[in-house]
Amino acid sequence: MNEIRQTLLKHLKQIAIPRHRTLEPVGHLVVRSYLRTSLQQYGSVEEQNFETSSVQGHNLLLKLPGSAAKQAPIIVGAHYDGIPGTPGADDNASGVAVLLLLAEAFASNPASRPIWLVGFDLEEWGMLGGAALARTLHDQQQQIHLMLSLEMLGYRSQAQRYPISGMERFYGKTGDYIALVGNVRSSAKLLKMSRVMSRFVSTELLPVPLSGKILPDTRLSDHSPFWDYGYEAVMVTDTAFLRNPNYHKSSDTIESLDLEFLEDVYRGIEATLRTF
């Protein structure tokens, strides 16, 4: 096992534990602490606290500078909370593990643009962490070059389903690719991402109009609040429940993941971020 795969596995072992915010609060706190400690190796971590009527959430944000001055940042986020009763290895320990590798890579070798890395809380409660940050940045009139949501990145399968009949004619019946799902505003960046990522992993793209409201399955991660506030945003995903039968189940374990696929996805994302 090479070094990248070993590091992914190390992170997965720390994150893939039951971690629901209210029903498994100890696990949730353990994972949040691990994420904060890991990010703090590379710089100051900001904590964005937000409240709903029933629970408080905590986003964690590390802002890594770019090599070129005064460019709008790229935001890359992954949610660290989970559903009760599942270790959530694919959903979404896989995304958080990749996020931590990206922190290491861009801290030691900066991209041209600043890279802001976010651990989102309460995604499973309706993308509440993503909504809190998107609203704050919008209110601050913060320019963003692109937002990426890393949402389940580690499952490859011989079977692939789709939300609309007929899509298999375009994307195939085998779940061996990573999907890039973006709003229409991000179409040019989607094409660029696809060209770069395809050098590392089979990649398919899907631009969706009207902020995904006509195809609700495309809104199920922290990118969708950024769509709603007019930002260009892309979900990077293995298509979740449309491929992975372990989605939101106790069987969503590290052993079910394809670490070679996850490594290839990481390599593709890192290479892509360096082209912007």
Protein backbone atom coordinates (compact mmCIF):
# COMPACT_ATOMS: atom_id res chain seq x y z
CA MET A 1 0.00 0.00 0.00
CA ASN A 2 1.50 3.34 -1.05
CA GLU A 3 1.83 6.41 1.18
CA ILE A 4 -1.28 8.21 -0.07
CA ARG A 5 -3.46 5.15 0.46
CA GLN A 6 -1.96 4.57 3.89
CA THR A 7 -2.75 8.16 4.88
CA LEU A 8 -6.31 7.89 3.58
CA LEU A 9 -6.76 4.70 5.59
CA LYS A 10 -5.32 6.34 8.72
CA HIS A 11 -7.85 9.19 8.45
CA LEU A 12 -10.72 6.84 7.67
CA LYS A 13 -10.04 4.81 10.80
CA GLN A 14 -10.39 7.95 12.93
CA ILE A 15 -13.46 9.36 11.17
CA ALA A 16 -15.54 6.29 10.26
CA ILE A 17 -17.33 5.91 13.60
CA PRO A 18 -20.98 6.56 14.52
CA ARG A 19 -21.19 10.37 14.91
CA HIS A 20 -24.71 11.73 14.88
CA ARG A 21 -24.85 15.19 16.46
CA THR A 22 -27.49 14.40 19.12
CA LEU A 23 -27.83 10.60 19.27
CA GLU A 24 -24.08 9.84 19.12
CA PRO A 25 -22.60 13.06 20.54
CA VAL A 26 -19.36 11.52 21.79
CA GLY A 27 -18.50 10.19 18.34
CA HIS A 28 -19.44 13.52 16.80
CA LEU A 29 -17.16 15.37 19.22
CA VAL A 30 -14.30 12.91 18.68
CA VAL A 31 -14.46 13.36 14.91
CA ARG A 32 -14.74 17.14 15.13
CA SER A 33 -11.71 17.22 17.45
CA TYR A 34 -9.72 14.99 15.10
CA LEU A 35 -10.61 17.19 12.14
CA ARG A 36 -9.66 20.37 13.98
CA THR A 37 -6.37 18.92 15.25
CA SER A 38 -5.47 17.62 11.80
CA LEU A 39 -6.20 20.96 10.11
CA GLN A 40 -4.35 22.93 12.78
CA GLN A 41 -1.09 21.37 11.62
CA TYR A 42 -1.34 23.64 8.57
CA GLY A 43 -2.61 26.92 9.96
CA SER A 44 -5.18 28.68 12.12
CA VAL A 45 -8.60 27.02 12.09
CA GLU A 46 -11.68 29.22 12.34
CA GLU A 47 -14.81 27.78 13.94
CA GLN A 48 -18.14 29.00 12.64
CA ASN A 49 -20.85 28.30 15.18
CA PHE A 50 -24.46 28.36 14.05
CA GLU A 51 -27.74 27.43 15.69
CA THR A 52 -31.02 25.92 14.63
CA SER A 53 -34.16 25.67 16.72
CA SER A 54 -32.94 22.37 18.19
CA VAL A 55 -29.16 22.05 17.88
CA GLN A 56 -25.91 23.96 17.51
CA GLY A 57 -23.51 23.23 14.65
CA HIS A 58 -19.80 23.89 14.16
CA ASN A 59 -18.09 24.40 10.81
CA LEU A 60 -14.28 24.29 10.76
CA LEU A 61 -12.43 26.46 8.23
CA LEU A 62 -8.74 26.52 7.25
CA LYS A 63 -7.71 29.26 4.82
CA LEU A 64 -4.55 28.36 2.91
CA PRO A 65 -2.97 31.23 0.95
CA GLY A 66 -2.29 31.03 -2.77
CA SER A 67 0.97 31.84 -4.50
CA ALA A 68 -0.65 34.68 -6.47
CA ALA A 69 -1.94 37.74 -4.64
CA LYS A 70 -5.54 38.90 -4.36
CA GLN A 71 -7.29 36.10 -6.21
CA ALA A 72 -10.74 34.86 -5.20
CA PRO A 73 -10.47 31.62 -3.23
CA ILE A 74 -11.68 28.15 -4.06
CA ILE A 75 -13.71 26.59 -1.25
CA VAL A 76 -13.44 22.83 -0.81
CA GLY A 77 -15.68 21.25 1.80
CA ALA A 78 -16.80 17.90 3.16
CA HIS A 79 -19.34 17.21 5.90
CA TYR A 80 -18.15 15.31 8.94
CA ASP A 81 -21.46 14.57 10.67
CA GLY A 82 -23.30 11.28 10.19
CA ILE A 83 -26.56 9.37 10.33
CA PRO A 84 -27.35 7.34 13.50
CA GLY A 85 -26.14 3.76 13.60
CA THR A 86 -23.62 3.89 10.77
CA PRO A 87 -19.85 4.44 10.71
CA GLY A 88 -20.41 6.40 7.50
CA ALA A 89 -17.17 5.38 5.80
CA ASP A 90 -18.29 6.50 2.36
CA ASP A 91 -20.79 9.04 3.74
CA ASN A 92 -18.73 11.02 4.38
CA ALA A 93 -15.49 9.90 6.00
CA SER A 94 -14.21 9.42 2.44
CA GLY A 95 -14.74 13.11 1.64
CA VAL A 96 -13.17 14.26 4.92
CA ALA A 97 -10.14 12.00 4.43
CA VAL A 98 -9.56 13.55 1.00
CA LEU A 99 -10.05 17.03 2.49
CA LEU A 100 -7.25 16.35 5.00
CA LEU A 101 -4.91 15.12 2.28
CA LEU A 102 -5.63 18.28 0.31
CA ALA A 103 -4.75 20.35 3.38
CA GLU A 104 -1.38 18.64 3.59
CA ALA A 105 -0.72 19.01 -0.14
CA PHE A 106 -1.61 22.71 -0.46
CA ALA A 107 0.02 23.75 2.81
CA SER A 108 3.37 22.43 1.60
CA ASN A 109 2.93 23.43 -2.05
CA PRO A 110 0.36 26.24 -2.47
CA ALA A 111 -1.93 26.54 -5.46
CA SER A 112 -2.14 29.79 -7.37
CA ARG A 113 -5.45 30.66 -5.73
CA PRO A 114 -6.16 30.52 -2.00
CA ILE A 115 -7.73 27.22 -1.00
CA TRP A 116 -10.25 27.39 1.83
CA LEU A 117 -10.91 23.96 3.33
CA VAL A 118 -14.13 23.43 5.30
CA GLY A 119 -15.41 20.66 7.52
CA PHE A 120 -19.18 21.13 7.36
CA ASP A 121 -21.42 20.15 10.25
CA LEU A 122 -25.10 19.15 10.13
CA GLU A 123 -25.22 18.31 6.43
CA GLU A 124 -27.44 15.37 7.33
CA TRP A 125 -29.91 17.82 8.91
CA GLY A 126 -30.51 19.52 5.56
CA MET A 127 -27.17 21.06 4.50
CA LEU A 128 -27.25 23.40 7.49
CA GLY A 129 -23.48 23.86 7.67
CA GLY A 130 -23.24 24.70 4.00
CA ALA A 131 -26.15 27.11 4.31
CA ALA A 132 -24.55 28.88 7.29
CA LEU A 133 -21.27 29.47 5.47
CA ALA A 134 -22.83 30.38 2.11
CA ARG A 135 -25.09 32.93 3.79
CA THR A 136 -22.20 34.47 5.73
CA LEU A 137 -19.96 34.77 2.67
CA HIS A 138 -22.82 36.23 0.63
CA ASP A 139 -23.56 38.80 3.33
CA GLN A 140 -19.85 39.70 3.39
CA GLN A 141 -19.90 40.06 -0.42
CA GLN A 142 -17.04 37.56 -0.54
CA GLN A 143 -16.05 36.60 -4.08
CA ILE A 144 -15.53 32.87 -4.65
CA HIS A 145 -13.95 31.41 -7.76
CA LEU A 146 -15.54 27.99 -7.19
CA MET A 147 -16.96 25.83 -4.41
CA LEU A 148 -16.43 22.06 -4.36
CA SER A 149 -18.40 19.72 -2.11
CA LEU A 150 -16.70 16.34 -1.59
CA GLU A 151 -19.65 14.00 -1.07
CA MET A 152 -18.97 10.23 -0.92
CA LEU A 153 -15.88 9.45 -2.99
CA GLY A 154 -14.87 5.88 -2.26
CA TYR A 155 -17.33 3.38 -3.74
CA ARG A 156 -17.08 1.71 -7.12
CA SER A 157 -19.64 -0.83 -8.35
CA GLN A 158 -20.72 -2.90 -11.33
CA ALA A 159 -24.24 -1.48 -10.87
CA GLN A 160 -25.35 2.13 -11.35
CA ARG A 161 -28.81 3.66 -11.05
CA TYR A 162 -30.04 7.11 -12.08
CA PRO A 163 -32.75 9.50 -10.90
CA ILE A 164 -34.25 9.70 -14.40
CA SER A 165 -34.85 6.84 -16.80
CA GLY A 166 -32.68 7.03 -19.90
CA MET A 167 -29.62 8.59 -18.26
CA GLU A 168 -27.87 5.23 -18.46
CA ARG A 169 -27.66 5.69 -22.23
CA PHE A 170 -25.32 8.63 -21.65
CA TYR A 171 -23.48 7.60 -18.49
CA GLY A 172 -23.48 3.81 -18.68
CA LYS A 173 -24.69 1.06 -16.38
CA THR A 174 -21.44 0.58 -14.45
CA GLY A 175 -20.63 2.68 -11.39
CA ASP A 176 -16.93 3.02 -12.09
CA TYR A 177 -16.68 6.81 -12.46
CA ILE A 178 -16.69 9.93 -10.31
CA ALA A 179 -19.46 12.42 -11.07
CA LEU A 180 -19.11 16.20 -11.23
CA VAL A 181 -22.49 17.86 -10.68
CA GLY A 182 -22.55 21.61 -11.16
CA ASN A 183 -24.96 24.47 -11.73
CA VAL A 184 -25.15 25.89 -15.24
CA ARG A 185 -23.03 28.90 -14.21
CA SER A 186 -20.15 26.52 -13.50
CA SER A 187 -20.32 24.73 -16.88
CA ALA A 188 -16.96 26.02 -18.15
CA LYS A 189 -15.25 24.96 -14.93
CA LEU A 190 -17.04 21.59 -15.06
CA LEU A 191 -15.51 20.94 -18.49
CA LYS A 192 -12.07 21.97 -17.26
CA MET A 193 -12.37 19.77 -14.18
CA SER A 194 -13.50 16.82 -16.26
CA ARG A 195 -10.55 17.13 -18.63
CA VAL A 196 -8.04 17.17 -15.78
CA MET A 197 -9.65 14.56 -13.54
CA SER A 198 -10.10 12.14 -16.41
CA ARG A 199 -6.34 11.69 -16.44
CA PHE A 200 -6.64 10.01 -13.05
CA VAL A 201 -10.14 8.51 -12.82
CA SER A 202 -13.09 7.94 -15.13
CA THR A 203 -15.16 11.13 -14.86
CA GLU A 204 -18.65 12.15 -15.91
CA LEU A 205 -20.19 15.61 -15.64
CA LEU A 206 -23.74 16.85 -15.21
CA PRO A 207 -24.65 20.55 -15.44
CA VAL A 208 -28.08 21.19 -13.93
CA PRO A 209 -30.33 24.24 -14.46
CA LEU A 210 -32.42 26.12 -11.91
CA SER A 211 -30.06 25.30 -9.02
CA GLY A 212 -31.08 21.66 -9.28
CA LYS A 213 -34.67 22.25 -8.24
CA ILE A 214 -35.98 20.18 -11.16
CA LEU A 215 -33.68 17.30 -10.13
CA PRO A 216 -33.66 17.29 -6.31
CA ASP A 217 -31.17 14.41 -6.01
CA THR A 218 -28.49 16.79 -7.31
CA ARG A 219 -28.98 19.13 -4.33
CA LEU A 220 -28.16 16.64 -1.57
CA SER A 221 -24.91 18.11 -0.29
CA ASP A 222 -23.40 21.37 0.94
CA HIS A 223 -22.92 22.79 -2.56
CA SER A 224 -26.64 23.46 -2.97
CA PRO A 225 -26.81 26.49 -0.63
CA PHE A 226 -23.96 27.99 -2.65
CA TRP A 227 -26.04 27.46 -5.80
CA ASP A 228 -28.93 29.25 -4.09
CA TYR A 229 -26.72 32.26 -3.33
CA GLY A 230 -25.54 32.49 -6.92
CA TYR A 231 -22.07 31.00 -6.54
CA GLU A 232 -20.49 28.54 -8.97
CA ALA A 233 -20.39 25.22 -7.14
CA VAL A 234 -19.79 21.55 -7.96
CA MET A 235 -20.53 18.36 -6.08
CA VAL A 236 -17.87 15.68 -6.53
CA THR A 237 -19.53 12.33 -5.80
CA ASP A 238 -19.61 8.60 -6.41
CA THR A 239 -23.42 9.14 -6.75
CA ALA A 240 -24.23 7.94 -3.20
CA PHE A 241 -27.42 5.85 -2.92
CA LEU A 242 -27.64 5.55 -6.71
CA ARG A 243 -24.62 3.23 -6.48
CA ASN A 244 -23.72 2.37 -2.92
CA PRO A 245 -26.12 -0.14 -1.27
CA ASN A 246 -24.59 0.66 2.13
CA TYR A 247 -25.84 4.26 2.11
CA HIS A 248 -27.08 5.24 5.61
CA LYS A 249 -26.64 1.67 6.86
CA SER A 250 -24.39 -0.01 9.41
CA SER A 251 -22.65 -1.72 6.49
CA ASP A 252 -21.10 1.57 5.30
CA THR A 253 -17.69 0.44 6.58
CA ILE A 254 -14.10 1.03 5.55
CA GLU A 255 -13.97 -2.53 4.26
CA SER A 256 -16.66 -1.72 1.69
CA LEU A 257 -14.59 1.08 0.13
CA ASP A 258 -12.31 0.90 -2.89
CA LEU A 259 -9.17 2.65 -1.66
CA GLU A 260 -7.55 2.61 -5.10
CA PHE A 261 -10.54 4.48 -6.49
CA LEU A 262 -10.48 6.91 -3.56
CA GLU A 263 -6.79 7.61 -4.14
CA ASP A 264 -7.39 8.25 -7.83
CA VAL A 265 -10.20 10.67 -7.00
CA TYR A 266 -7.92 12.52 -4.59
CA ARG A 267 -5.17 12.79 -7.18
CA GLY A 268 -7.64 14.12 -9.74
CA ILE A 269 -9.03 16.75 -7.37
CA GLU A 270 -5.58 17.97 -6.33
CA ALA A 271 -4.43 18.24 -9.94
CA THR A 272 -7.60 20.08 -10.90
CA LEU A 273 -7.29 22.66 -8.14
CA ARG A 274 -3.80 23.48 -9.33
CA THR A 275 -5.10 24.48 -12.78
CA PHE A 276 -7.36 27.34 -11.61
